[in-house]
Amino acid sequence: MPSPSHAPGPHADVFGGVWQKQAPLDLLSGILPNPTTTAFLLACLAPPPLALEAWQRWRAPRSPLQRLVDADADLRGLSAALASSLFAAGAALDHEDATWLRAALLHEQQRCRRYRQILAEVLATLSQAGVPFLLSRGAAVAETVLPQPWLRHCHDADLLVQQEHLSDAAAVLAQAGLREQPVRQAGRSFLHRRGLPIRLHARLLPPPFEGPGIGPIHGRASSLSVLGTTVRRPAADDLLLHITAHAVCSPSRLSARWVGDAHAVVVGRERPDWGRLRQTAAASGLSAPLAVTLGYLAGAIGTPVPAATLAGLATDASGATRLDRNLLIHAARLGGGSWLADLWRNSGGRSRLTFVRWTLAPDRAYIARVDAEPGLNPLRQLVRHWRRIGADLAIGARG
């Protein structure tokens, strides 16, 4: 996997000078990988000297007999990237670690072959039917960015389809024998007969978040050959925005795969249009999520994100609307556990005031997005909001 071009900064300053308890960025500080996970990520992504140092830092507290996968189940999908990095760096591994890593690497390579067979079939089916779509996130990174697709563990395929083409895409997949699955969010989901989920998304982000429309992203996408089929993939800056914004807006960020995906896009052959990235983020209320995630990449991983871009995103985020700030709190909530205590501890005075207001009287537009049930009156929506907070407090107290 491509390596950082410069050494990472101290984890405490993961925003490379942009982060100084600045509102509203501090509302998202709890979503980032902790120092232990960051060490694991550096072992996967950094050049040899830093990778080996990070590996020793992550491995030292753990018993030699403890299987690596048991140390942090959320990192299981990074096993192949870790193995590739450590073997390339000539790491001095004990017998158990070396054996487990070789097995993990072989398993991922074999699994990747099966995954790509299914993906090739699905892409060809949609393309031959003339249905426009975009290949994005994990599958796009694996097939169009990384030097080897097995470096990225993929357990599904995400396809972006404009709303007006969604029914056609769904019909094509159903006719090809895929079985439709129920979904709780916007879009359609299908299961291939060999067990791979294929997800059709009519929007970049899950509700209550919106993000930019698929239409403009489709218009500036690149045409690439993937597994024998010419497909469209978002431009590098749009792909980067999709990866990082989705990480903020989804519990899937706990796997930390978004870090490797975003890093690979930044250092890949097609460099992001940083000016356009900032404009797209500002227009869709995503300046704060991108300032936080890209700041972490630059400060903790050493990903070469321009300092001017980070500063610009932070400046744009300072003008976030009340709805935007409520959505940032909602994003923090998706991590579960002790998120309430973490948010309060990590936030400055202004963001604490935002949090209090969100707790007692959230923005009406926010409530309408979270509880979009037709006919639900505002008072009932507010009561549901308070009940969710009460449940979160109870979970935090037990944890």
Protein backbone atom coordinates (compact mmCIF):
# COMPACT_ATOMS: atom_id res chain seq x y z
CA MET A 1 0.00 0.00 0.00
CA PRO A 2 1.36 3.50 -0.81
CA SER A 3 3.31 5.03 2.05
CA PRO A 4 3.12 8.48 3.59
CA SER A 5 5.46 10.96 1.96
CA HIS A 6 6.42 12.56 5.25
CA ALA A 7 6.57 11.61 8.88
CA PRO A 8 3.37 11.86 10.92
CA GLY A 9 3.11 14.45 13.61
CA PRO A 10 2.30 13.76 17.26
CA HIS A 11 -1.09 12.13 17.74
CA ALA A 12 -2.11 14.84 20.18
CA ASP A 13 -1.94 17.32 17.33
CA VAL A 14 -3.67 15.22 14.71
CA PHE A 15 -4.93 18.25 12.85
CA GLY A 16 -1.52 19.56 11.87
CA GLY A 17 -2.01 22.98 13.45
CA VAL A 18 -5.67 23.39 12.41
CA TRP A 19 -7.03 21.67 15.48
CA GLN A 20 -7.02 23.75 18.65
CA LYS A 21 -10.39 22.97 20.25
CA GLN A 22 -11.95 24.92 17.42
CA ALA A 23 -15.73 24.84 17.20
CA PRO A 24 -17.43 23.01 15.62
CA LEU A 25 -14.57 20.58 14.78
CA ASP A 26 -14.26 19.56 18.41
CA LEU A 27 -17.72 17.95 18.20
CA LEU A 28 -16.12 15.21 16.08
CA SER A 29 -12.87 14.65 17.96
CA GLY A 30 -14.20 11.43 19.49
CA ILE A 31 -14.75 9.72 16.14
CA LEU A 32 -11.06 9.41 15.26
CA PRO A 33 -8.92 6.30 15.76
CA ASN A 34 -7.27 6.22 19.18
CA PRO A 35 -3.47 6.11 19.60
CA THR A 36 -3.44 2.29 19.69
CA THR A 37 -5.39 1.99 16.44
CA THR A 38 -3.26 4.74 14.91
CA ALA A 39 -0.12 2.71 15.65
CA PHE A 40 -1.68 -0.28 13.87
CA LEU A 41 -2.59 1.91 10.89
CA LEU A 42 0.93 3.30 10.68
CA ALA A 43 2.28 -0.25 10.68
CA CYS A 44 0.13 -0.82 7.58
CA LEU A 45 0.72 2.49 5.79
CA ALA A 46 4.02 4.07 6.80
CA PRO A 47 7.43 3.55 5.13
CA PRO A 48 9.64 0.83 6.69
CA PRO A 49 11.32 2.65 9.60
CA LEU A 50 8.08 4.20 10.82
CA ALA A 51 6.06 1.07 10.09
CA LEU A 52 8.39 -1.10 12.17
CA GLU A 53 8.40 1.38 15.04
CA ALA A 54 4.61 1.57 14.99
CA TRP A 55 4.34 -2.24 14.87
CA GLN A 56 6.53 -2.61 17.93
CA ARG A 57 4.51 0.04 19.75
CA TRP A 58 1.24 -1.74 18.94
CA ARG A 59 2.53 -5.28 19.54
CA ALA A 60 4.59 -4.79 22.72
CA PRO A 61 1.73 -4.74 25.27
CA ARG A 62 0.26 -7.97 23.90
CA SER A 63 1.17 -11.52 24.87
CA PRO A 64 3.14 -13.42 22.20
CA LEU A 65 0.49 -16.14 22.44
CA GLN A 66 -2.40 -13.76 21.82
CA ARG A 67 -3.72 -14.05 18.29
CA LEU A 68 -3.56 -10.70 16.58
CA VAL A 69 -7.10 -10.85 15.31
CA ASP A 70 -8.39 -11.11 18.89
CA ALA A 71 -6.64 -7.90 19.94
CA ASP A 72 -9.04 -5.67 18.04
CA ALA A 73 -11.76 -7.26 15.89
CA ASP A 74 -12.41 -3.94 14.12
CA LEU A 75 -8.93 -4.16 12.56
CA ARG A 76 -9.40 -7.66 11.12
CA GLY A 77 -9.98 -6.29 7.62
CA LEU A 78 -6.51 -4.71 7.62
CA SER A 79 -4.66 -7.99 8.12
CA ALA A 80 -3.46 -8.29 4.51
CA ALA A 81 -2.24 -4.69 4.43
CA LEU A 82 -0.38 -5.26 7.70
CA ALA A 83 1.21 -8.47 6.46
CA SER A 84 2.29 -6.91 3.18
CA SER A 85 3.80 -3.90 4.95
CA LEU A 86 5.70 -5.89 7.58
CA PHE A 87 7.06 -8.50 5.17
CA ALA A 88 8.20 -5.75 2.78
CA ALA A 89 9.90 -3.95 5.67
CA GLY A 90 11.73 -7.08 6.81
CA ALA A 91 10.15 -7.05 10.27
CA ALA A 92 11.60 -9.42 12.86
CA LEU A 93 8.50 -11.46 13.67
CA ASP A 94 8.16 -14.31 16.11
CA HIS A 95 7.02 -17.64 14.68
CA GLU A 96 3.37 -17.29 15.72
CA ASP A 97 3.01 -13.77 14.33
CA ALA A 98 4.72 -14.67 11.06
CA THR A 99 2.59 -17.77 10.61
CA TRP A 100 -0.64 -15.91 11.33
CA LEU A 101 0.25 -13.05 8.98
CA ARG A 102 1.15 -15.41 6.13
CA ALA A 103 -2.14 -17.23 6.62
CA ALA A 104 -4.05 -13.94 6.70
CA LEU A 105 -2.35 -12.78 3.51
CA LEU A 106 -3.09 -16.04 1.69
CA HIS A 107 -6.70 -16.02 2.89
CA GLU A 108 -7.27 -12.47 1.66
CA GLN A 109 -5.69 -13.21 -1.74
CA GLN A 110 -7.93 -16.25 -2.23
CA ARG A 111 -10.98 -14.40 -0.96
CA CYS A 112 -10.22 -11.47 -3.28
CA ARG A 113 -10.25 -13.76 -6.31
CA ARG A 114 -13.76 -14.93 -5.46
CA TYR A 115 -14.90 -11.37 -4.75
CA ARG A 116 -13.59 -10.10 -8.08
CA GLN A 117 -15.33 -12.86 -10.01
CA ILE A 118 -18.67 -11.73 -8.57
CA LEU A 119 -17.90 -8.04 -9.01
CA ALA A 120 -16.91 -8.61 -12.65
CA GLU A 121 -20.22 -10.35 -13.29
CA VAL A 122 -22.27 -7.55 -11.69
CA LEU A 123 -20.41 -4.73 -13.45
CA ALA A 124 -20.75 -6.43 -16.82
CA THR A 125 -24.46 -7.09 -16.27
CA LEU A 126 -25.26 -3.45 -15.46
CA SER A 127 -23.01 -2.09 -18.20
CA GLN A 128 -24.49 -4.33 -20.88
CA ALA A 129 -27.97 -3.21 -19.85
CA GLY A 130 -26.94 0.43 -20.34
CA VAL A 131 -27.64 1.46 -16.75
CA PRO A 132 -25.39 4.37 -15.66
CA PHE A 133 -23.68 3.93 -12.30
CA LEU A 134 -20.52 4.84 -10.43
CA LEU A 135 -18.19 2.42 -8.68
CA SER A 136 -17.20 4.00 -5.37
CA ARG A 137 -15.62 3.59 -1.93
CA GLY A 138 -13.92 0.27 -1.12
CA ALA A 139 -14.35 -1.52 -4.45
CA ALA A 140 -13.24 1.59 -6.35
CA VAL A 141 -10.11 1.93 -4.20
CA ALA A 142 -9.26 -1.77 -4.51
CA GLU A 143 -9.72 -1.91 -8.28
CA THR A 144 -8.55 1.52 -9.45
CA VAL A 145 -6.18 2.96 -6.82
CA LEU A 146 -4.21 0.28 -4.94
CA PRO A 147 -1.35 -1.64 -6.58
CA GLN A 148 -3.00 -4.95 -5.60
CA PRO A 149 -6.75 -5.34 -4.97
CA TRP A 150 -6.27 -7.84 -2.13
CA LEU A 151 -4.69 -5.10 -0.02
CA ARG A 152 -8.23 -3.84 0.59
CA HIS A 153 -10.67 -6.21 2.32
CA CYS A 154 -14.06 -5.81 0.60
CA HIS A 155 -17.23 -7.44 1.92
CA ASP A 156 -19.72 -5.73 -0.43
CA ALA A 157 -19.82 -3.45 -3.47
CA ASP A 158 -21.18 0.12 -3.37
CA LEU A 159 -22.60 1.53 -6.58
CA LEU A 160 -23.89 5.09 -6.89
CA VAL A 161 -26.98 5.33 -9.09
CA GLN A 162 -28.98 8.48 -9.73
CA GLN A 163 -32.55 8.29 -8.45
CA GLU A 164 -34.07 8.24 -11.93
CA HIS A 165 -32.04 5.14 -12.83
CA LEU A 166 -32.42 3.28 -9.53
CA SER A 167 -35.46 1.20 -10.54
CA ASP A 168 -33.79 0.18 -13.81
CA ALA A 169 -30.61 -0.90 -12.01
CA ALA A 170 -32.64 -2.87 -9.49
CA ALA A 171 -34.62 -4.60 -12.25
CA VAL A 172 -31.45 -5.61 -14.08
CA LEU A 173 -29.93 -7.15 -10.95
CA ALA A 174 -33.17 -8.97 -10.12
CA GLN A 175 -33.34 -10.38 -13.66
CA ALA A 176 -29.74 -11.55 -13.26
CA GLY A 177 -30.79 -13.66 -10.29
CA LEU A 178 -29.75 -11.44 -7.39
CA ARG A 179 -32.14 -11.46 -4.45
CA GLU A 180 -33.31 -8.13 -3.09
CA GLN A 181 -32.77 -7.54 0.63
CA PRO A 182 -34.65 -5.16 2.94
CA VAL A 183 -32.89 -1.88 3.70
CA ARG A 184 -33.39 0.60 6.51
CA GLN A 185 -31.93 3.49 4.55
CA ALA A 186 -32.34 5.01 1.11
CA GLY A 187 -31.35 2.89 -1.88
CA ARG A 188 -31.67 -0.80 -2.77
CA SER A 189 -29.67 -3.80 -1.67
CA PHE A 190 -29.22 -7.17 -3.41
CA LEU A 191 -27.52 -10.41 -2.48
CA HIS A 192 -25.59 -12.36 -5.09
CA ARG A 193 -26.16 -16.11 -5.07
CA ARG A 194 -22.59 -16.53 -3.80
CA GLY A 195 -23.32 -14.32 -0.81
CA LEU A 196 -21.92 -10.90 -1.78
CA PRO A 197 -24.12 -7.87 -1.02
CA ILE A 198 -24.47 -5.37 -3.88
CA ARG A 199 -25.71 -1.99 -2.66
CA LEU A 200 -27.26 0.65 -4.90
CA HIS A 201 -27.13 4.14 -3.41
CA ALA A 202 -29.14 7.07 -4.76
CA ARG A 203 -27.29 9.43 -2.40
CA LEU A 204 -23.71 9.63 -1.16
CA LEU A 205 -24.53 9.61 2.54
CA PRO A 206 -27.11 7.81 4.67
CA PRO A 207 -29.98 9.82 6.18
CA PRO A 208 -30.18 12.22 7.97
CA PHE A 209 -27.08 13.45 6.12
CA GLU A 210 -27.38 14.64 2.54
CA GLY A 211 -24.08 15.43 0.85
CA PRO A 212 -23.65 16.46 -2.78
CA GLY A 213 -25.88 15.09 -5.52
CA ILE A 214 -24.73 12.15 -7.62
CA GLY A 215 -25.44 13.99 -10.88
CA PRO A 216 -22.55 16.49 -10.76
CA ILE A 217 -20.19 13.77 -9.48
CA HIS A 218 -21.18 11.52 -12.36
CA GLY A 219 -20.56 14.37 -14.79
CA ARG A 220 -16.90 14.72 -13.83
CA ALA A 221 -16.20 11.02 -13.22
CA SER A 222 -13.46 9.08 -14.99
CA SER A 223 -14.05 6.13 -17.34
CA LEU A 224 -11.81 3.20 -16.40
CA SER A 225 -11.54 -0.44 -17.31
CA VAL A 226 -12.35 -2.61 -14.31
CA LEU A 227 -12.32 -6.40 -14.66
CA GLY A 228 -12.96 -6.20 -18.39
CA THR A 229 -15.78 -3.65 -18.21
CA THR A 230 -15.55 0.09 -18.77
CA VAL A 231 -17.08 1.76 -15.73
CA ARG A 232 -17.32 5.25 -14.32
CA ARG A 233 -15.56 6.12 -11.07
CA PRO A 234 -15.74 9.44 -9.19
CA ALA A 235 -12.86 11.86 -9.72
CA ALA A 236 -10.18 11.59 -7.04
CA ASP A 237 -11.49 14.54 -5.00
CA ASP A 238 -15.08 13.25 -5.13
CA LEU A 239 -13.94 9.74 -4.19
CA LEU A 240 -11.96 11.19 -1.28
CA LEU A 241 -14.97 13.22 -0.14
CA HIS A 242 -17.21 10.16 -0.33
CA ILE A 243 -14.80 8.02 1.70
CA THR A 244 -14.11 10.56 4.45
CA ALA A 245 -17.63 11.97 4.76
CA HIS A 246 -19.13 8.49 4.87
CA ALA A 247 -16.68 7.55 7.62
CA VAL A 248 -18.03 10.41 9.74
CA CYS A 249 -21.66 9.59 8.95
CA SER A 250 -21.59 5.83 9.50
CA PRO A 251 -20.71 3.41 12.34
CA SER A 252 -18.56 1.56 9.78
CA ARG A 253 -15.76 4.01 10.64
CA LEU A 254 -14.90 1.73 13.58
CA SER A 255 -13.18 -0.64 11.13
CA ALA A 256 -10.71 2.18 10.27
CA ARG A 257 -10.55 0.99 6.65
CA TRP A 258 -11.48 4.51 5.62
CA VAL A 259 -8.01 5.68 6.70
CA GLY A 260 -6.20 3.40 4.26
CA ASP A 261 -8.73 4.15 1.52
CA ALA A 262 -8.42 7.93 1.86
CA HIS A 263 -4.63 7.80 2.17
CA ALA A 264 -4.37 5.70 -0.99
CA VAL A 265 -6.51 8.17 -2.95
CA VAL A 266 -4.42 11.15 -1.85
CA VAL A 267 -1.10 9.55 -2.86
CA GLY A 268 -2.50 7.80 -5.94
CA ARG A 269 -1.75 8.54 -9.59
CA GLU A 270 -4.75 10.87 -9.98
CA ARG A 271 -4.27 13.63 -7.43
CA PRO A 272 -7.36 15.30 -5.94
CA ASP A 273 -8.45 18.74 -7.09
CA TRP A 274 -8.12 20.33 -3.65
CA GLY A 275 -9.87 23.56 -4.59
CA ARG A 276 -12.87 21.72 -5.95
CA LEU A 277 -12.91 19.43 -2.92
CA ARG A 278 -13.19 22.44 -0.63
CA GLN A 279 -15.96 23.96 -2.75
CA THR A 280 -17.95 20.72 -2.83
CA ALA A 281 -17.60 20.28 0.92
CA ALA A 282 -18.71 23.84 1.65
CA ALA A 283 -21.72 23.58 -0.67
CA SER A 284 -22.92 20.37 0.99
CA GLY A 285 -22.26 21.17 4.66
CA LEU A 286 -19.30 18.78 4.90
CA SER A 287 -16.46 21.18 5.66
CA ALA A 288 -16.21 20.09 9.30
CA PRO A 289 -16.22 16.32 8.58
CA LEU A 290 -13.50 16.76 5.98
CA ALA A 291 -11.44 19.11 8.14
CA VAL A 292 -11.47 16.50 10.92
CA THR A 293 -10.78 13.38 8.83
CA LEU A 294 -8.21 14.95 6.50
CA GLY A 295 -6.60 16.66 9.48
CA TYR A 296 -6.19 13.28 11.15
CA LEU A 297 -4.67 11.82 8.00
CA ALA A 298 -2.17 14.66 7.72
CA GLY A 299 -1.23 14.91 11.40
CA ALA A 300 -1.35 11.28 12.54
CA ILE A 301 -0.63 9.26 9.38
CA GLY A 302 1.53 11.69 7.42
CA THR A 303 -0.76 11.80 4.38
CA PRO A 304 0.25 14.77 2.18
CA VAL A 305 -2.90 16.88 2.50
CA PRO A 306 -2.07 20.53 1.74
CA ALA A 307 -2.03 22.74 4.84
CA ALA A 308 -3.94 25.40 2.90
CA THR A 309 -6.75 22.92 2.26
CA LEU A 310 -7.00 22.01 5.94
CA ALA A 311 -7.01 25.66 6.96
CA GLY A 312 -9.63 26.47 4.33
CA LEU A 313 -11.90 23.64 5.43
CA ALA A 314 -11.60 24.74 9.06
CA THR A 315 -12.45 28.31 8.11
CA ASP A 316 -15.48 27.17 6.13
CA ALA A 317 -16.58 24.93 9.01
CA SER A 318 -16.60 27.87 11.43
CA GLY A 319 -19.65 29.16 9.55
CA ALA A 320 -21.64 25.94 10.03
CA THR A 321 -25.38 26.44 10.46
CA ARG A 322 -27.31 25.24 13.48
CA LEU A 323 -28.52 22.27 11.41
CA ASP A 324 -24.95 21.44 10.41
CA ARG A 325 -23.83 21.46 14.04
CA ASN A 326 -26.74 19.26 15.10
CA LEU A 327 -25.76 16.79 12.40
CA LEU A 328 -22.18 16.74 13.69
CA ILE A 329 -23.48 15.70 17.10
CA HIS A 330 -25.62 13.06 15.42
CA ALA A 331 -22.50 11.78 13.66
CA ALA A 332 -20.64 11.57 16.97
CA ARG A 333 -23.58 9.61 18.40
CA LEU A 334 -23.20 6.87 15.78
CA GLY A 335 -20.09 5.57 17.53
CA GLY A 336 -22.23 4.41 20.44
CA GLY A 337 -20.80 3.56 23.85
CA SER A 338 -19.73 6.52 25.98
CA TRP A 339 -20.05 9.05 23.15
CA LEU A 340 -21.86 11.58 25.35
CA ALA A 341 -19.07 11.70 27.93
CA ASP A 342 -16.41 11.71 25.21
CA LEU A 343 -18.02 14.60 23.35
CA TRP A 344 -18.38 16.68 26.52
CA ARG A 345 -14.80 15.99 27.59
CA ASN A 346 -13.29 16.83 24.21
CA SER A 347 -15.37 19.91 23.39
CA GLY A 348 -14.70 23.56 24.13
CA GLY A 349 -17.18 25.99 25.65
CA ARG A 350 -18.94 26.96 22.42
CA SER A 351 -19.51 23.37 21.35
CA ARG A 352 -20.70 22.42 24.82
CA LEU A 353 -23.34 25.12 24.50
CA THR A 354 -24.27 23.69 21.09
CA PHE A 355 -24.58 20.27 22.69
CA VAL A 356 -26.84 21.56 25.49
CA ARG A 357 -29.10 23.25 22.96
CA TRP A 358 -29.19 20.08 20.85
CA THR A 359 -30.15 18.06 23.92
CA LEU A 360 -32.98 20.34 25.05
CA ALA A 361 -34.29 21.90 21.84
CA PRO A 362 -32.69 20.59 18.65
CA ASP A 363 -33.06 22.29 15.31
CA ARG A 364 -36.46 21.58 13.76
CA ALA A 365 -34.97 20.65 10.41
CA TYR A 366 -32.68 18.18 12.17
CA ILE A 367 -35.58 16.55 14.01
CA ALA A 368 -37.57 16.34 10.78
CA ARG A 369 -34.67 14.52 9.08
CA VAL A 370 -34.09 12.07 11.92
CA ASP A 371 -37.79 11.28 12.36
CA ALA A 372 -39.06 11.46 8.80
CA GLU A 373 -42.15 9.38 9.56
CA PRO A 374 -45.15 11.00 7.81
CA GLY A 375 -47.69 12.62 10.09
CA LEU A 376 -45.45 12.68 13.17
CA ASN A 377 -46.04 15.94 15.01
CA PRO A 378 -43.11 18.06 16.33
CA LEU A 379 -43.84 17.30 20.00
CA ARG A 380 -43.77 13.56 19.36
CA GLN A 381 -40.50 13.98 17.46
CA LEU A 382 -38.99 15.88 20.40
CA VAL A 383 -40.09 13.21 22.88
CA ARG A 384 -38.43 10.54 20.73
CA HIS A 385 -35.27 12.66 20.67
CA TRP A 386 -35.19 12.86 24.48
CA ARG A 387 -35.81 9.13 24.77
CA ARG A 388 -32.85 8.40 22.49
CA ILE A 389 -30.63 10.57 24.67
CA GLY A 390 -31.92 8.80 27.79
CA ALA A 391 -31.10 5.43 26.26
CA ASP A 392 -27.60 6.65 25.33
CA LEU A 393 -27.05 7.86 28.91
CA ALA A 394 -28.06 4.46 30.24
CA ILE A 395 -25.69 2.68 27.84
CA GLY A 396 -22.87 5.05 28.78
CA ALA A 397 -23.48 4.44 32.50
CA ARG A 398 -23.30 0.65 32.01
CA GLY A 399 -20.11 0.97 29.96
